[in-house]
Structures are given as C-alpha cells and as structure tokens.
Amino acid sequence: MKGHDGQANIAMKNRIHVLRAEKEWSQAELAVRVRVSRNSINAIENGRFDPSLPLAFRIADAFGLSVEEVFDKMDV
C-alpha cells in the first residue's frame, strides 16, 4: 500500500522492551536517560508512535547500540 506521497507505508518495530529488561531499566528510567516522558517510551515501545530521528539516536545511544540494532522497519 502506498501513502499519499507515493512511498510505501512503513511502520517500525523495536526491541526497546527486551533491551530495557536486559539492563533492568524501567520505562521511567529510560525516559530520563533520553529526555522524554515515560508515556512517550511506552507509546514507542508498543508501536503506537514512531520516534523522531534524533530521539531514535538518543534511545540507541542509551543502549550503546546503533539505530538499526534497536529499530527495524516493516512494510504495512
């Protein structure tokens, strides 16, 4: 399916929940580390919101990973 700009609609899946569990971080703790609300982390983690590129980099940096290691695109 194509969006209004002719591009395929792409959603992102992410590994934030798994990565947080590995570090034993709460959503609130990750939120403080990347300077957003806990609600924002929850929405990103559950696929209700895709982060901006700068936020995606901050999240990846918090885990010491690349953006590609945290986020992956999936065609919808």
PDB file of N, CA and C in Angstrom:
ATOM      1  N   MET A   1       0.837  -1.173   0.000  1.00  0.00           N
ATOM      2  CA  MET A   1       0.000   0.000   0.000  1.00  0.00           C
ATOM      3  C   MET A   1       0.885   1.241   0.000  1.00  0.00           C
ATOM      4  N   LYS A   2       0.514   2.224  -0.784  1.00  0.00           N
ATOM      5  CA  LYS A   2       1.301   3.442  -0.897  1.00  0.00           C
ATOM      6  C   LYS A   2       0.637   4.573  -0.126  1.00  0.00           C
ATOM      7  N   GLY A   3       1.470   5.422   0.489  1.00  0.00           N
ATOM      8  CA  GLY A   3       0.984   6.593   1.187  1.00  0.00           C
ATOM      9  C   GLY A   3       0.675   7.706   0.207  1.00  0.00           C
ATOM     10  N   HIS A   4       0.247   8.857   0.709  1.00  0.00           N
ATOM     11  CA  HIS A   4      -0.125   9.982  -0.149  1.00  0.00           C
ATOM     12  C   HIS A   4       1.066  10.543  -0.921  1.00  0.00           C
ATOM     13  N   ASP A   5       2.281  10.273  -0.470  1.00  0.00           N
ATOM     14  CA  ASP A   5       3.467  10.779  -1.161  1.00  0.00           C
ATOM     15  C   ASP A   5       4.045   9.755  -2.136  1.00  0.00           C
ATOM     16  N   GLY A   6       3.324   8.637  -2.359  1.00  0.00           N
ATOM     17  CA  GLY A   6       3.777   7.617  -3.284  1.00  0.00           C
ATOM     18  C   GLY A   6       4.744   6.617  -2.669  1.00  0.00           C
ATOM     19  N   GLN A   7       5.118   6.810  -1.415  1.00  0.00           N
ATOM     20  CA  GLN A   7       6.027   5.907  -0.731  1.00  0.00           C
ATOM     21  C   GLN A   7       5.232   4.795  -0.060  1.00  0.00           C
ATOM     22  N   ALA A   8       5.858   3.643   0.085  1.00  0.00           N
ATOM     23  CA  ALA A   8       5.210   2.549   0.811  1.00  0.00           C
ATOM     24  C   ALA A   8       5.033   2.960   2.267  1.00  0.00           C
ATOM     25  N   ASN A   9       3.913   2.564   2.866  1.00  0.00           N
ATOM     26  CA  ASN A   9       3.699   2.817   4.283  1.00  0.00           C
ATOM     27  C   ASN A   9       4.631   1.899   5.069  1.00  0.00           C
ATOM     28  N   ILE A  10       5.405   2.470   5.942  1.00  0.00           N
ATOM     29  CA  ILE A  10       6.373   1.707   6.719  1.00  0.00           C
ATOM     30  C   ILE A  10       6.151   1.982   8.192  1.00  0.00           C
ATOM     31  N   ALA A  11       6.071   0.933   8.956  1.00  0.00           N
ATOM     32  CA  ALA A  11       5.996   1.049  10.405  1.00  0.00           C
ATOM     33  C   ALA A  11       7.326   0.547  10.956  1.00  0.00           C
ATOM     34  N   MET A  12       7.603   0.903  12.191  1.00  0.00           N
ATOM     35  CA  MET A  12       8.830   0.431  12.809  1.00  0.00           C
ATOM     36  C   MET A  12       8.502  -0.520  13.934  1.00  0.00           C
ATOM     37  N   LYS A  13       9.252  -1.599  14.008  1.00  0.00           N
ATOM     38  CA  LYS A  13       9.199  -2.442  15.192  1.00  0.00           C
ATOM     39  C   LYS A  13      10.490  -2.163  15.953  1.00  0.00           C
ATOM     40  N   ASN A  14      10.477  -2.445  17.219  1.00  0.00           N
ATOM     41  CA  ASN A  14      11.663  -2.125  18.003  1.00  0.00           C
ATOM     42  C   ASN A  14      11.893  -3.170  19.083  1.00  0.00           C
ATOM     43  N   ARG A  15      13.084  -3.128  19.646  1.00  0.00           N
ATOM     44  CA  ARG A  15      13.496  -4.072  20.682  1.00  0.00           C
ATOM     45  C   ARG A  15      13.622  -3.389  22.046  1.00  0.00           C
ATOM     46  N   ILE A  16      12.974  -2.255  22.216  1.00  0.00           N
ATOM     47  CA  ILE A  16      13.157  -1.473  23.442  1.00  0.00           C
ATOM     48  C   ILE A  16      12.780  -2.273  24.681  1.00  0.00           C
ATOM     49  N   HIS A  17      11.666  -2.963  24.657  1.00  0.00           N
ATOM     50  CA  HIS A  17      11.240  -3.720  25.844  1.00  0.00           C
ATOM     51  C   HIS A  17      12.301  -4.757  26.236  1.00  0.00           C
ATOM     52  N   VAL A  18      12.792  -5.503  25.268  1.00  0.00           N
ATOM     53  CA  VAL A  18      13.813  -6.530  25.526  1.00  0.00           C
ATOM     54  C   VAL A  18      15.100  -5.885  26.038  1.00  0.00           C
ATOM     55  N   LEU A  19      15.509  -4.809  25.405  1.00  0.00           N
ATOM     56  CA  LEU A  19      16.749  -4.129  25.805  1.00  0.00           C
ATOM     57  C   LEU A  19      16.631  -3.546  27.212  1.00  0.00           C
ATOM     58  N   ARG A  20      15.470  -2.985  27.525  1.00  0.00           N
ATOM     59  CA  ARG A  20      15.259  -2.459  28.878  1.00  0.00           C
ATOM     60  C   ARG A  20      15.348  -3.576  29.907  1.00  0.00           C
ATOM     61  N   ALA A  21      14.733  -4.715  29.587  1.00  0.00           N
ATOM     62  CA  ALA A  21      14.750  -5.850  30.513  1.00  0.00           C
ATOM     63  C   ALA A  21      16.183  -6.326  30.753  1.00  0.00           C
ATOM     64  N   GLU A  22      16.990  -6.351  29.702  1.00  0.00           N
ATOM     65  CA  GLU A  22      18.383  -6.775  29.842  1.00  0.00           C
ATOM     66  C   GLU A  22      19.156  -5.857  30.786  1.00  0.00           C
ATOM     67  N   LYS A  23      18.834  -4.569  30.754  1.00  0.00           N
ATOM     68  CA  LYS A  23      19.520  -3.586  31.601  1.00  0.00           C
ATOM     69  C   LYS A  23      18.813  -3.389  32.942  1.00  0.00           C
ATOM     70  N   GLU A  24      17.642  -4.032  33.082  1.00  0.00           N
ATOM     71  CA  GLU A  24      16.810  -3.871  34.275  1.00  0.00           C
ATOM     72  C   GLU A  24      16.403  -2.414  34.497  1.00  0.00           C
ATOM     73  N   TRP A  25      16.055  -1.745  33.396  1.00  0.00           N
ATOM     74  CA  TRP A  25      15.592  -0.362  33.433  1.00  0.00           C
ATOM     75  C   TRP A  25      14.075  -0.336  33.328  1.00  0.00           C
ATOM     76  N   SER A  26      13.456   0.551  34.060  1.00  0.00           N
ATOM     77  CA  SER A  26      12.026   0.813  33.892  1.00  0.00           C
ATOM     78  C   SER A  26      11.840   1.751  32.697  1.00  0.00           C
ATOM     79  N   GLN A  27      10.599   1.875  32.257  1.00  0.00           N
ATOM     80  CA  GLN A  27      10.313   2.861  31.213  1.00  0.00           C
ATOM     81  C   GLN A  27      10.678   4.252  31.695  1.00  0.00           C
ATOM     82  N   ALA A  28      10.409   4.530  32.960  1.00  0.00           N
ATOM     83  CA  ALA A  28      10.714   5.855  33.515  1.00  0.00           C
ATOM     84  C   ALA A  28      12.215   6.128  33.493  1.00  0.00           C
ATOM     85  N   GLU A  29      13.010   5.121  33.813  1.00  0.00           N
ATOM     86  CA  GLU A  29      14.462   5.323  33.813  1.00  0.00           C
ATOM     87  C   GLU A  29      14.981   5.590  32.406  1.00  0.00           C
ATOM     88  N   LEU A  30      14.505   4.830  31.426  1.00  0.00           N
ATOM     89  CA  LEU A  30      14.918   5.093  30.044  1.00  0.00           C
ATOM     90  C   LEU A  30      14.459   6.480  29.616  1.00  0.00           C
ATOM     91  N   ALA A  31      13.260   6.860  30.006  1.00  0.00           N
ATOM     92  CA  ALA A  31      12.730   8.179  29.641  1.00  0.00           C
ATOM     93  C   ALA A  31      13.634   9.295  30.147  1.00  0.00           C
ATOM     94  N   VAL A  32      14.101   9.180  31.379  1.00  0.00           N
ATOM     95  CA  VAL A  32      15.018  10.192  31.934  1.00  0.00           C
ATOM     96  C   VAL A  32      16.307  10.223  31.129  1.00  0.00           C
ATOM     97  N   ARG A  33      16.831   9.045  30.785  1.00  0.00           N
ATOM     98  CA  ARG A  33      18.093   8.959  30.045  1.00  0.00           C
ATOM     99  C   ARG A  33      18.010   9.604  28.663  1.00  0.00           C
ATOM    100  N   VAL A  34      16.834   9.544  28.027  1.00  0.00           N
ATOM    101  CA  VAL A  34      16.708  10.089  26.669  1.00  0.00           C
ATOM    102  C   VAL A  34      15.885  11.382  26.622  1.00  0.00           C
ATOM    103  N   ARG A  35      15.515  11.890  27.798  1.00  0.00           N
ATOM    104  CA  ARG A  35      14.855  13.197  27.939  1.00  0.00           C
ATOM    105  C   ARG A  35      13.474  13.264  27.278  1.00  0.00           C
ATOM    106  N   VAL A  36      12.646  12.258  27.553  1.00  0.00           N
ATOM    107  CA  VAL A  36      11.242  12.284  27.130  1.00  0.00           C
ATOM    108  C   VAL A  36      10.390  11.773  28.295  1.00  0.00           C
ATOM    109  N   SER A  37       9.085  11.793  28.119  1.00  0.00           N
ATOM    110  CA  SER A  37       8.199  11.278  29.171  1.00  0.00           C
ATOM    111  C   SER A  37       8.148   9.746  29.142  1.00  0.00           C
ATOM    112  N   ARG A  38       7.744   9.167  30.261  1.00  0.00           N
ATOM    113  CA  ARG A  38       7.550   7.722  30.313  1.00  0.00           C
ATOM    114  C   ARG A  38       6.459   7.310  29.340  1.00  0.00           C
ATOM    115  N   ASN A  39       5.435   8.150  29.203  1.00  0.00           N
ATOM    116  CA  ASN A  39       4.357   7.850  28.257  1.00  0.00           C
ATOM    117  C   ASN A  39       4.877   7.758  26.824  1.00  0.00           C
ATOM    118  N   SER A  40       5.852   8.593  26.482  1.00  0.00           N
ATOM    119  CA  SER A  40       6.445   8.531  25.139  1.00  0.00           C
ATOM    120  C   SER A  40       7.175   7.213  24.933  1.00  0.00           C
ATOM    121  N   ILE A  41       7.931   6.785  25.929  1.00  0.00           N
ATOM    122  CA  ILE A  41       8.634   5.499  25.829  1.00  0.00           C
ATOM    123  C   ILE A  41       7.620   4.371  25.681  1.00  0.00           C
ATOM    124  N   ASN A  42       6.551   4.408  26.464  1.00  0.00           N
ATOM    125  CA  ASN A  42       5.515   3.383  26.376  1.00  0.00           C
ATOM    126  C   ASN A  42       4.907   3.341  24.983  1.00  0.00           C
ATOM    127  N   ALA A  43       4.599   4.503  24.416  1.00  0.00           N
ATOM    128  CA  ALA A  43       3.977   4.563  23.092  1.00  0.00           C
ATOM    129  C   ALA A  43       4.926   4.057  22.008  1.00  0.00           C
ATOM    130  N   ILE A  44       6.202   4.394  22.105  1.00  0.00           N
ATOM    131  CA  ILE A  44       7.187   3.909  21.127  1.00  0.00           C
ATOM    132  C   ILE A  44       7.350   2.400  21.268  1.00  0.00           C
ATOM    133  N   GLU A  45       7.512   1.959  22.498  1.00  0.00           N
ATOM    134  CA  GLU A  45       7.730   0.537  22.782  1.00  0.00           C
ATOM    135  C   GLU A  45       6.580  -0.328  22.267  1.00  0.00           C
ATOM    136  N   ASN A  46       5.368   0.186  22.345  1.00  0.00           N
ATOM    137  CA  ASN A  46       4.183  -0.572  21.934  1.00  0.00           C
ATOM    138  C   ASN A  46       3.729  -0.278  20.513  1.00  0.00           C
ATOM    139  N   GLY A  47       4.552   0.447  19.751  1.00  0.00           N
ATOM    140  CA  GLY A  47       4.272   0.677  18.343  1.00  0.00           C
ATOM    141  C   GLY A  47       3.183   1.676  18.046  1.00  0.00           C
ATOM    142  N   ARG A  48       2.788   2.470  19.032  1.00  0.00           N
ATOM    143  CA  ARG A  48       1.752   3.481  18.795  1.00  0.00           C
ATOM    144  C   ARG A  48       2.337   4.794  18.298  1.00  0.00           C
ATOM    145  N   PHE A  49       3.659   4.924  18.349  1.00  0.00           N
ATOM    146  CA  PHE A  49       4.329   6.171  17.987  1.00  0.00           C
ATOM    147  C   PHE A  49       5.720   5.826  17.473  1.00  0.00           C
ATOM    148  N   ASP A  50       6.108   6.416  16.351  1.00  0.00           N
ATOM    149  CA  ASP A  50       7.470   6.262  15.849  1.00  0.00           C
ATOM    150  C   ASP A  50       8.277   7.475  16.301  1.00  0.00           C
ATOM    151  N   PRO A  51       9.454   7.248  16.875  1.00  0.00           N
ATOM    152  CA  PRO A  51      10.239   8.380  17.369  1.00  0.00           C
ATOM    153  C   PRO A  51      10.833   9.202  16.230  1.00  0.00           C
ATOM    154  N   SER A  52      11.125  10.456  16.531  1.00  0.00           N
ATOM    155  CA  SER A  52      11.863  11.281  15.580  1.00  0.00           C
ATOM    156  C   SER A  52      13.255  10.680  15.414  1.00  0.00           C
ATOM    157  N   LEU A  53      13.950  11.056  14.379  1.00  0.00           N
ATOM    158  CA  LEU A  53      15.297  10.536  14.163  1.00  0.00           C
ATOM    159  C   LEU A  53      16.240  10.896  15.319  1.00  0.00           C
ATOM    160  N   PRO A  54      16.235  12.160  15.793  1.00  0.00           N
ATOM    161  CA  PRO A  54      17.108  12.467  16.938  1.00  0.00           C
ATOM    162  C   PRO A  54      16.778  11.627  18.172  1.00  0.00           C
ATOM    163  N   LEU A  55      15.492  11.383  18.432  1.00  0.00           N
ATOM    164  CA  LEU A  55      15.117  10.570  19.583  1.00  0.00           C
ATOM    165  C   LEU A  55      15.533   9.114  19.373  1.00  0.00           C
ATOM    166  N   ALA A  56      15.381   8.604  18.158  1.00  0.00           N
ATOM    167  CA  ALA A  56      15.817   7.232  17.869  1.00  0.00           C
ATOM    168  C   ALA A  56      17.313   7.082  18.148  1.00  0.00           C
ATOM    169  N   PHE A  57      18.099   8.094  17.779  1.00  0.00           N
ATOM    170  CA  PHE A  57      19.538   8.054  18.063  1.00  0.00           C
ATOM    171  C   PHE A  57      19.810   8.115  19.564  1.00  0.00           C
ATOM    172  N   ARG A  58      19.057   8.936  20.303  1.00  0.00           N
ATOM    173  CA  ARG A  58      19.258   9.003  21.757  1.00  0.00           C
ATOM    174  C   ARG A  58      18.922   7.678  22.421  1.00  0.00           C
ATOM    175  N   ILE A  59      17.853   7.033  21.962  1.00  0.00           N
ATOM    176  CA  ILE A  59      17.479   5.730  22.512  1.00  0.00           C
ATOM    177  C   ILE A  59      18.574   4.710  22.213  1.00  0.00           C
ATOM    178  N   ALA A  60      19.011   4.658  20.973  1.00  0.00           N
ATOM    179  CA  ALA A  60      20.079   3.715  20.608  1.00  0.00           C
ATOM    180  C   ALA A  60      21.339   3.985  21.420  1.00  0.00           C
ATOM    181  N   ASP A  61      21.707   5.252  21.555  1.00  0.00           N
ATOM    182  CA  ASP A  61      22.901   5.614  22.335  1.00  0.00           C
ATOM    183  C   ASP A  61      22.777   5.180  23.788  1.00  0.00           C
ATOM    184  N   ALA A  62      21.582   5.281  24.351  1.00  0.00           N
ATOM    185  CA  ALA A  62      21.377   4.888  25.744  1.00  0.00           C
ATOM    186  C   ALA A  62      21.709   3.407  25.944  1.00  0.00           C
ATOM    187  N   PHE A  63      21.465   2.604  24.908  1.00  0.00           N
ATOM    188  CA  PHE A  63      21.752   1.173  24.986  1.00  0.00           C
ATOM    189  C   PHE A  63      23.139   0.824  24.445  1.00  0.00           C
ATOM    190  N   GLY A  64      23.847   1.826  23.918  1.00  0.00           N
ATOM    191  CA  GLY A  64      25.159   1.562  23.341  1.00  0.00           C
ATOM    192  C   GLY A  64      25.078   0.789  22.035  1.00  0.00           C
ATOM    193  N   LEU A  65      23.985   1.007  21.295  1.00  0.00           N
ATOM    194  CA  LEU A  65      23.747   0.287  20.049  1.00  0.00           C
ATOM    195  C   LEU A  65      23.524   1.267  18.909  1.00  0.00           C
ATOM    196  N   SER A  66      23.516   0.743  17.684  1.00  0.00           N
ATOM    197  CA  SER A  66      23.146   1.560  16.535  1.00  0.00           C
ATOM    198  C   SER A  66      21.618   1.610  16.436  1.00  0.00           C
ATOM    199  N   VAL A  67      21.117   2.580  15.705  1.00  0.00           N
ATOM    200  CA  VAL A  67      19.675   2.703  15.496  1.00  0.00           C
ATOM    201  C   VAL A  67      19.130   1.414  14.866  1.00  0.00           C
ATOM    202  N   GLU A  68      19.883   0.857  13.924  1.00  0.00           N
ATOM    203  CA  GLU A  68      19.441  -0.360  13.241  1.00  0.00           C
ATOM    204  C   GLU A  68      19.339  -1.559  14.186  1.00  0.00           C
ATOM    205  N   GLU A  69      20.115  -1.549  15.267  1.00  0.00           N
ATOM    206  CA  GLU A  69      20.055  -2.645  16.231  1.00  0.00           C
ATOM    207  C   GLU A  69      18.853  -2.522  17.174  1.00  0.00           C
ATOM    208  N   VAL A  70      18.283  -1.332  17.255  1.00  0.00           N
ATOM    209  CA  VAL A  70      17.119  -1.106  18.133  1.00  0.00           C
ATOM    210  C   VAL A  70      15.827  -1.098  17.321  1.00  0.00           C
ATOM    211  N   PHE A  71      15.859  -0.485  16.150  1.00  0.00           N
ATOM    212  CA  PHE A  71      14.657  -0.313  15.338  1.00  0.00           C
ATOM    213  C   PHE A  71      14.806  -1.043  14.005  1.00  0.00           C
ATOM    214  N   ASP A  72      13.703  -1.577  13.520  1.00  0.00           N
ATOM    215  CA  ASP A  72      13.686  -2.244  12.232  1.00  0.00           C
ATOM    216  C   ASP A  72      12.399  -1.859  11.523  1.00  0.00           C
ATOM    217  N   LYS A  73      12.461  -1.630  10.233  1.00  0.00           N
ATOM    218  CA  LYS A  73      11.240  -1.275   9.508  1.00  0.00           C
ATOM    219  C   LYS A  73      10.490  -2.523   9.107  1.00  0.00           C
ATOM    220  N   MET A  74       9.194  -2.362   8.996  1.00  0.00           N
ATOM    221  CA  MET A  74       8.357  -3.430   8.468  1.00  0.00           C
ATOM    222  C   MET A  74       7.323  -2.801   7.553  1.00  0.00           C
ATOM    223  N   ASP A  75       7.165  -3.364   6.373  1.00  0.00           N
ATOM    224  CA  ASP A  75       6.196  -2.842   5.410  1.00  0.00           C
ATOM    225  C   ASP A  75       4.786  -3.186   5.863  1.00  0.00           C
ATOM    226  N   VAL A  76       3.881  -2.211   5.694  1.00  0.00           N
ATOM    227  CA  VAL A  76       2.479  -2.458   6.027  1.00  0.00           C
ATOM    228  C   VAL A  76       1.608  -2.186   4.831  1.00  0.00           C
TER     229      VAL A  76
END
